[in-house]
């Protein structure tokens, strides 16, 4: 296995639609260092969410690894 790429996606509460269903908005941050731990990424997500007007619903990490 070779190259590993990580990205962090933060999903925010964008309000509600006409039916009262939550509208989710997201922001993705890519180019993260592959060695970043879950705790590092959680701290980063909380820090970034603290700078936004919307409330964070959740954060998720994607890792892509190329197979040889």
Protein backbone atom coordinates (compact mmCIF):
# COMPACT_ATOMS: atom_id res chain seq x y z
CA UNK A 1 0.00 0.00 0.00
CA UNK A 2 1.16 3.46 -0.79
CA UNK A 3 -0.07 7.04 -0.52
CA UNK A 4 -2.57 7.78 2.20
CA UNK A 5 -4.83 10.85 2.04
CA UNK A 6 -7.06 12.08 4.85
CA UNK A 7 -9.86 14.61 4.82
CA UNK A 8 -12.10 15.99 7.54
CA UNK A 9 -15.76 16.74 6.85
CA UNK A 10 -17.72 18.85 9.31
CA UNK A 11 -21.50 18.81 9.04
CA UNK A 12 -23.42 21.81 10.38
CA UNK A 13 -27.06 22.47 11.21
CA UNK A 14 -28.27 24.73 8.41
CA UNK A 15 -31.72 25.25 9.89
CA UNK A 16 -34.93 23.46 8.94
CA UNK A 17 -36.92 23.14 5.75
CA UNK A 18 -40.63 23.74 5.31
CA UNK A 19 -41.39 20.27 6.70
CA UNK A 20 -39.34 20.81 9.85
CA UNK A 21 -36.54 18.52 8.65
CA UNK A 22 -32.96 19.55 9.49
CA UNK A 23 -30.90 20.95 6.62
CA UNK A 24 -27.30 19.77 6.82
CA UNK A 25 -24.48 21.89 5.41
CA UNK A 26 -20.94 20.58 5.23
CA UNK A 27 -17.39 21.77 4.78
CA UNK A 28 -14.52 19.46 3.82
CA UNK A 29 -10.88 20.06 4.67
CA UNK A 30 -8.39 17.98 2.69
CA UNK A 31 -4.64 17.62 2.61
CA UNK A 32 -4.40 16.57 6.24
CA UNK A 33 -1.27 14.81 7.40
CA UNK A 34 -1.80 11.03 7.35
CA UNK A 35 -0.37 10.68 10.87
CA UNK A 36 -3.10 12.87 12.41
CA UNK A 37 -4.80 10.94 15.21
CA UNK A 38 -8.52 10.79 15.85
CA UNK A 39 -8.01 13.01 18.90
CA UNK A 40 -6.11 15.58 16.80
CA UNK A 41 -8.88 15.61 14.21
CA UNK A 42 -11.60 15.89 16.85
CA UNK A 43 -9.84 18.88 18.39
CA UNK A 44 -9.45 20.50 14.97
CA UNK A 45 -13.12 19.92 14.14
CA UNK A 46 -14.23 21.47 17.43
CA UNK A 47 -11.91 24.46 16.92
CA UNK A 48 -13.14 25.05 13.36
CA UNK A 49 -16.78 24.63 14.37
CA UNK A 50 -16.26 27.22 17.10
CA UNK A 51 -15.49 29.78 14.39
CA UNK A 52 -18.76 29.18 12.54
CA UNK A 53 -22.21 30.60 13.15
CA UNK A 54 -23.93 27.24 12.60
CA UNK A 55 -23.88 24.43 15.18
CA UNK A 56 -21.80 21.37 14.33
CA UNK A 57 -23.91 18.21 14.03
CA UNK A 58 -20.96 15.83 13.59
CA UNK A 59 -17.56 15.41 11.98
CA UNK A 60 -16.21 12.51 9.97
CA UNK A 61 -12.84 11.49 8.58
CA UNK A 62 -12.18 9.87 5.23
CA UNK A 63 -8.97 8.03 4.48
CA UNK A 64 -8.02 7.03 0.98
CA UNK A 65 -5.14 4.64 0.53
CA UNK A 66 -3.80 3.52 -2.81
CA UNK A 67 -3.30 -0.21 -3.22
CA UNK A 68 -0.42 -1.59 -5.24
